[in-house]
Amino acid sequence: MAEAVVRMGEAAASATPGDTLACIGLGSCIGLVLVDRARSVAALAHVMLPSAPAEPQAQPYKFADLAVSALLDLALAHGALKPRLEAAIVGGAAMFQFGAGGSGQDIGARNESAVRGRLDGLGIPLRAAATGGGRGRTVRIFVGPDVAITVREAGGREEALLGAPMTVGVAA
């Protein structure tokens, strides 16, 4: 039994029952989860920005436009089957305000939109989201026959986001 903490721009995956994957203190970043419950496979990426710059990047998990495909490949490498994959997202908070009333630079909302768009483009259903608002969150994925995902908002308590059967939960 091990807990892998996924830091900014990183990812982890497991098919080992008892393992836990976690992103701690997600603010405007997105914790992107892919699970194949039938095969007990879970993958988690800590996405920081909506899109990569023009030059090639060594950190595909840092950028939403690259991270979704890269995490899909990682999940498949751990035994997941694409038709069985389901997604959840956590984070995307409005952590920073620029100038009076903001400047349209809501990185959290842009990250969420980019991840949702890529998931949709790849045909991976988004089953749950705990996004938006102004507080950070922590997400944990418990690997096993009943893959479960929990979320805890800063100052709050840990709550189920997904379990078996998957349900949609939204926290603003």
C-alpha atoms as a PDB file:
ATOM      1  CA  MET A   1       0.000   0.000   0.000  1.00  0.00           C
ATOM      2  CA  ALA A   2       1.547   3.279  -1.127  1.00  0.00           C
ATOM      3  CA  GLU A   3       0.429   6.854  -1.670  1.00  0.00           C
ATOM      4  CA  ALA A   4       1.873   8.657  -4.677  1.00  0.00           C
ATOM      5  CA  VAL A   5       1.644  12.430  -4.411  1.00  0.00           C
ATOM      6  CA  VAL A   6       1.405  13.948  -7.869  1.00  0.00           C
ATOM      7  CA  ARG A   7       3.039  17.373  -8.019  1.00  0.00           C
ATOM      8  CA  MET A   8       2.530  20.174 -10.552  1.00  0.00           C
ATOM      9  CA  GLY A   9       3.178  19.002 -14.087  1.00  0.00           C
ATOM     10  CA  GLU A  10       3.467  15.343 -13.067  1.00  0.00           C
ATOM     11  CA  ALA A  11       1.324  12.221 -13.350  1.00  0.00           C
ATOM     12  CA  ALA A  12       1.067   8.771 -11.805  1.00  0.00           C
ATOM     13  CA  ALA A  13      -0.917   5.606 -12.476  1.00  0.00           C
ATOM     14  CA  SER A  14      -1.521   2.333 -10.688  1.00  0.00           C
ATOM     15  CA  ALA A  15      -3.317  -0.972 -11.074  1.00  0.00           C
ATOM     16  CA  THR A  16      -2.279  -2.158  -7.600  1.00  0.00           C
ATOM     17  CA  PRO A  17      -5.148  -2.530  -5.121  1.00  0.00           C
ATOM     18  CA  GLY A  18      -4.469  -0.505  -1.993  1.00  0.00           C
ATOM     19  CA  ASP A  19      -2.452   2.214  -3.737  1.00  0.00           C
ATOM     20  CA  THR A  20      -3.545   5.822  -3.433  1.00  0.00           C
ATOM     21  CA  LEU A  21      -2.868   8.647  -5.902  1.00  0.00           C
ATOM     22  CA  ALA A  22      -3.197  12.226  -4.645  1.00  0.00           C
ATOM     23  CA  CYS A  23      -2.929  15.866  -5.728  1.00  0.00           C
ATOM     24  CA  ILE A  24      -2.699  18.083  -2.668  1.00  0.00           C
ATOM     25  CA  GLY A  25      -3.688  21.748  -2.635  1.00  0.00           C
ATOM     26  CA  LEU A  26      -5.081  22.155  -6.150  1.00  0.00           C
ATOM     27  CA  GLY A  27      -5.906  25.811  -6.740  1.00  0.00           C
ATOM     28  CA  SER A  28      -6.288  26.926 -10.344  1.00  0.00           C
ATOM     29  CA  CYS A  29      -4.652  23.656 -11.433  1.00  0.00           C
ATOM     30  CA  ILE A  30      -6.763  20.663 -12.449  1.00  0.00           C
ATOM     31  CA  GLY A  31      -6.386  17.204 -10.980  1.00  0.00           C
ATOM     32  CA  LEU A  32      -7.358  15.033 -13.945  1.00  0.00           C
ATOM     33  CA  VAL A  33      -8.416  11.487 -13.063  1.00  0.00           C
ATOM     34  CA  LEU A  34      -8.904   8.604 -15.496  1.00  0.00           C
ATOM     35  CA  VAL A  35     -10.242   5.301 -14.176  1.00  0.00           C
ATOM     36  CA  ASP A  36     -11.090   1.916 -15.612  1.00  0.00           C
ATOM     37  CA  ARG A  37     -13.061   0.433 -12.727  1.00  0.00           C
ATOM     38  CA  ALA A  38     -13.421  -2.997 -14.345  1.00  0.00           C
ATOM     39  CA  ARG A  39      -9.634  -3.356 -14.466  1.00  0.00           C
ATOM     40  CA  SER A  40      -8.901  -1.421 -11.241  1.00  0.00           C
ATOM     41  CA  VAL A  41      -6.692   1.092 -13.059  1.00  0.00           C
ATOM     42  CA  ALA A  42      -6.387   4.735 -12.024  1.00  0.00           C
ATOM     43  CA  ALA A  43      -4.285   7.565 -13.435  1.00  0.00           C
ATOM     44  CA  LEU A  44      -3.895  11.129 -12.145  1.00  0.00           C
ATOM     45  CA  ALA A  45      -2.281  14.236 -13.663  1.00  0.00           C
ATOM     46  CA  HIS A  46      -1.682  17.657 -12.077  1.00  0.00           C
ATOM     47  CA  VAL A  47      -2.422  20.074 -14.950  1.00  0.00           C
ATOM     48  CA  MET A  48      -1.146  23.642 -14.501  1.00  0.00           C
ATOM     49  CA  LEU A  49      -1.939  25.564 -17.692  1.00  0.00           C
ATOM     50  CA  PRO A  50      -4.479  25.348 -20.537  1.00  0.00           C
ATOM     51  CA  SER A  51      -2.027  25.129 -23.441  1.00  0.00           C
ATOM     52  CA  ALA A  52       1.627  24.485 -24.163  1.00  0.00           C
ATOM     53  CA  PRO A  53       3.843  27.055 -25.840  1.00  0.00           C
ATOM     54  CA  ALA A  54       4.759  26.471 -29.491  1.00  0.00           C
ATOM     55  CA  GLU A  55       8.106  24.804 -28.769  1.00  0.00           C
ATOM     56  CA  PRO A  56       8.111  21.121 -27.774  1.00  0.00           C
ATOM     57  CA  GLN A  57       7.729  20.441 -24.042  1.00  0.00           C
ATOM     58  CA  ALA A  58       9.361  17.854 -21.827  1.00  0.00           C
ATOM     59  CA  GLN A  59       6.439  18.067 -19.350  1.00  0.00           C
ATOM     60  CA  PRO A  60       3.262  17.067 -21.194  1.00  0.00           C
ATOM     61  CA  TYR A  61       1.260  16.745 -17.952  1.00  0.00           C
ATOM     62  CA  LYS A  62       1.762  20.451 -17.242  1.00  0.00           C
ATOM     63  CA  PHE A  63      -0.496  21.563 -20.117  1.00  0.00           C
ATOM     64  CA  ALA A  64      -4.146  20.578 -20.633  1.00  0.00           C
ATOM     65  CA  ASP A  65      -3.817  20.326 -24.410  1.00  0.00           C
ATOM     66  CA  LEU A  66      -1.104  17.661 -23.977  1.00  0.00           C
ATOM     67  CA  ALA A  67      -1.950  16.135 -20.591  1.00  0.00           C
ATOM     68  CA  VAL A  68      -5.216  14.404 -21.470  1.00  0.00           C
ATOM     69  CA  SER A  69      -3.663  12.353 -24.300  1.00  0.00           C
ATOM     70  CA  ALA A  70      -0.514  11.666 -22.274  1.00  0.00           C
ATOM     71  CA  LEU A  71      -2.570  10.481 -19.284  1.00  0.00           C
ATOM     72  CA  LEU A  72      -4.670   8.301 -21.589  1.00  0.00           C
ATOM     73  CA  ASP A  73      -1.460   6.633 -22.810  1.00  0.00           C
ATOM     74  CA  LEU A  74      -0.284   6.142 -19.208  1.00  0.00           C
ATOM     75  CA  ALA A  75      -3.609   4.564 -18.181  1.00  0.00           C
ATOM     76  CA  LEU A  76      -3.532   2.242 -21.201  1.00  0.00           C
ATOM     77  CA  ALA A  77       0.063   1.244 -20.359  1.00  0.00           C
ATOM     78  CA  HIS A  78      -1.197   0.161 -16.909  1.00  0.00           C
ATOM     79  CA  GLY A  79      -3.870  -2.090 -18.426  1.00  0.00           C
ATOM     80  CA  ALA A  80      -6.878   0.194 -18.861  1.00  0.00           C
ATOM     81  CA  LEU A  81      -9.093  -0.191 -21.908  1.00  0.00           C
ATOM     82  CA  LYS A  82     -10.120   3.062 -23.584  1.00  0.00           C
ATOM     83  CA  PRO A  83     -13.833   2.186 -23.989  1.00  0.00           C
ATOM     84  CA  ARG A  84     -14.040   1.651 -20.208  1.00  0.00           C
ATOM     85  CA  LEU A  85     -12.287   4.854 -19.162  1.00  0.00           C
ATOM     86  CA  GLU A  86     -14.170   7.480 -17.196  1.00  0.00           C
ATOM     87  CA  ALA A  87     -12.873  10.850 -16.028  1.00  0.00           C
ATOM     88  CA  ALA A  88     -13.213  13.150 -13.049  1.00  0.00           C
ATOM     89  CA  ILE A  89     -11.730  16.611 -12.561  1.00  0.00           C
ATOM     90  CA  VAL A  90     -10.965  18.572  -9.414  1.00  0.00           C
ATOM     91  CA  GLY A  91      -9.614  22.116  -8.979  1.00  0.00           C
ATOM     92  CA  GLY A  92      -9.920  24.975 -11.420  1.00  0.00           C
ATOM     93  CA  ALA A  93     -10.518  27.530  -8.675  1.00  0.00           C
ATOM     94  CA  ALA A  94     -10.299  31.281  -9.270  1.00  0.00           C
ATOM     95  CA  MET A  95      -7.281  31.809  -7.033  1.00  0.00           C
ATOM     96  CA  PHE A  96      -5.936  35.040  -8.500  1.00  0.00           C
ATOM     97  CA  GLN A  97      -7.614  38.332  -9.325  1.00  0.00           C
ATOM     98  CA  PHE A  98      -5.849  40.766 -11.648  1.00  0.00           C
ATOM     99  CA  GLY A  99      -6.884  44.413 -11.306  1.00  0.00           C
ATOM    100  CA  ALA A 100     -10.346  45.751 -10.527  1.00  0.00           C
ATOM    101  CA  GLY A 101     -12.920  43.050 -11.212  1.00  0.00           C
ATOM    102  CA  GLY A 102     -10.353  40.695 -12.758  1.00  0.00           C
ATOM    103  CA  SER A 103      -8.931  40.778 -16.254  1.00  0.00           C
ATOM    104  CA  GLY A 104     -10.344  37.650 -17.836  1.00  0.00           C
ATOM    105  CA  GLN A 105      -7.216  35.743 -16.828  1.00  0.00           C
ATOM    106  CA  ASP A 106      -9.085  33.106 -14.794  1.00  0.00           C
ATOM    107  CA  ILE A 107      -6.560  30.309 -15.276  1.00  0.00           C
ATOM    108  CA  GLY A 108      -8.716  27.861 -13.304  1.00  0.00           C
ATOM    109  CA  ALA A 109     -11.703  28.235 -15.634  1.00  0.00           C
ATOM    110  CA  ARG A 110      -9.454  28.114 -18.692  1.00  0.00           C
ATOM    111  CA  ASN A 111      -7.754  24.946 -17.405  1.00  0.00           C
ATOM    112  CA  GLU A 112     -11.129  23.312 -16.781  1.00  0.00           C
ATOM    113  CA  SER A 113     -12.442  24.271 -20.216  1.00  0.00           C
ATOM    114  CA  ALA A 114      -9.313  22.956 -21.959  1.00  0.00           C
ATOM    115  CA  VAL A 115      -9.422  19.625 -20.096  1.00  0.00           C
ATOM    116  CA  ARG A 116     -13.163  19.186 -20.750  1.00  0.00           C
ATOM    117  CA  GLY A 117     -12.625  19.922 -24.445  1.00  0.00           C
ATOM    118  CA  ARG A 118      -9.824  17.357 -24.797  1.00  0.00           C
ATOM    119  CA  LEU A 119     -11.793  14.689 -22.909  1.00  0.00           C
ATOM    120  CA  ASP A 120     -14.763  15.305 -25.184  1.00  0.00           C
ATOM    121  CA  GLY A 121     -12.546  15.162 -28.268  1.00  0.00           C
ATOM    122  CA  LEU A 122     -11.156  11.792 -27.175  1.00  0.00           C
ATOM    123  CA  GLY A 123     -14.602  10.410 -26.317  1.00  0.00           C
ATOM    124  CA  ILE A 124     -13.817   9.954 -22.609  1.00  0.00           C
ATOM    125  CA  PRO A 125     -16.913  10.660 -20.493  1.00  0.00           C
ATOM    126  CA  LEU A 126     -16.555  13.100 -17.616  1.00  0.00           C
ATOM    127  CA  ARG A 127     -18.427  11.493 -14.723  1.00  0.00           C
ATOM    128  CA  ALA A 128     -17.742  13.962 -11.898  1.00  0.00           C
ATOM    129  CA  ALA A 129     -16.307  17.388 -11.223  1.00  0.00           C
ATOM    130  CA  ALA A 130     -15.484  19.451  -8.161  1.00  0.00           C
ATOM    131  CA  THR A 131     -14.307  22.670  -9.777  1.00  0.00           C
ATOM    132  CA  GLY A 132     -14.494  26.440  -9.585  1.00  0.00           C
ATOM    133  CA  GLY A 133     -15.005  28.548  -6.507  1.00  0.00           C
ATOM    134  CA  GLY A 134     -12.162  30.272  -4.712  1.00  0.00           C
ATOM    135  CA  ARG A 135     -10.681  27.572  -2.457  1.00  0.00           C
ATOM    136  CA  GLY A 136      -8.049  24.925  -3.042  1.00  0.00           C
ATOM    137  CA  ARG A 137      -8.877  21.230  -3.028  1.00  0.00           C
ATOM    138  CA  THR A 138      -7.151  17.894  -2.526  1.00  0.00           C
ATOM    139  CA  VAL A 139      -8.118  14.827  -4.531  1.00  0.00           C
ATOM    140  CA  ARG A 140      -7.340  11.198  -3.660  1.00  0.00           C
ATOM    141  CA  ILE A 141      -7.939   8.099  -5.746  1.00  0.00           C
ATOM    142  CA  PHE A 142      -8.076   4.742  -3.977  1.00  0.00           C
ATOM    143  CA  VAL A 143      -7.087   1.964  -6.376  1.00  0.00           C
ATOM    144  CA  GLY A 144      -8.844  -1.372  -6.210  1.00  0.00           C
ATOM    145  CA  PRO A 145     -11.912  -3.300  -7.351  1.00  0.00           C
ATOM    146  CA  ASP A 146     -14.113  -0.410  -6.177  1.00  0.00           C
ATOM    147  CA  VAL A 147     -12.016   2.545  -7.329  1.00  0.00           C
ATOM    148  CA  ALA A 148     -13.060   5.507  -5.211  1.00  0.00           C
ATOM    149  CA  ILE A 149     -12.256   9.209  -5.491  1.00  0.00           C
ATOM    150  CA  THR A 150     -12.505  11.701  -2.658  1.00  0.00           C
ATOM    151  CA  VAL A 151     -12.163  15.477  -2.588  1.00  0.00           C
ATOM    152  CA  ARG A 152     -11.488  17.821   0.302  1.00  0.00           C
ATOM    153  CA  GLU A 153     -11.886  21.567  -0.003  1.00  0.00           C
ATOM    154  CA  ALA A 154      -9.446  23.671   2.051  1.00  0.00           C
ATOM    155  CA  GLY A 155     -10.825  23.898   5.571  1.00  0.00           C
ATOM    156  CA  GLY A 156     -13.458  21.255   4.846  1.00  0.00           C
ATOM    157  CA  ARG A 157     -13.863  17.532   5.265  1.00  0.00           C
ATOM    158  CA  GLU A 158     -13.083  14.744   2.838  1.00  0.00           C
ATOM    159  CA  GLU A 159     -16.113  13.728   0.781  1.00  0.00           C
ATOM    160  CA  ALA A 160     -16.775  11.057  -1.818  1.00  0.00           C
ATOM    161  CA  LEU A 161     -16.645  12.378  -5.362  1.00  0.00           C
ATOM    162  CA  LEU A 162     -16.880   9.040  -7.153  1.00  0.00           C
ATOM    163  CA  GLY A 163     -17.291   5.516  -6.061  1.00  0.00           C
ATOM    164  CA  ALA A 164     -19.062   2.455  -7.247  1.00  0.00           C
ATOM    165  CA  PRO A 165     -21.397   3.172  -8.898  1.00  0.00           C
ATOM    166  CA  MET A 166     -20.067   6.463 -10.210  1.00  0.00           C
ATOM    167  CA  THR A 167     -22.202   9.501  -9.504  1.00  0.00           C
ATOM    168  CA  VAL A 168     -21.815  13.087 -10.584  1.00  0.00           C
ATOM    169  CA  GLY A 169     -20.894  15.529  -7.843  1.00  0.00           C
ATOM    170  CA  VAL A 170     -20.305  19.227  -8.324  1.00  0.00           C
ATOM    171  CA  ALA A 171     -18.831  21.567  -5.743  1.00  0.00           C
ATOM    172  CA  ALA A 172     -18.583  25.235  -6.569  1.00  0.00           C
END
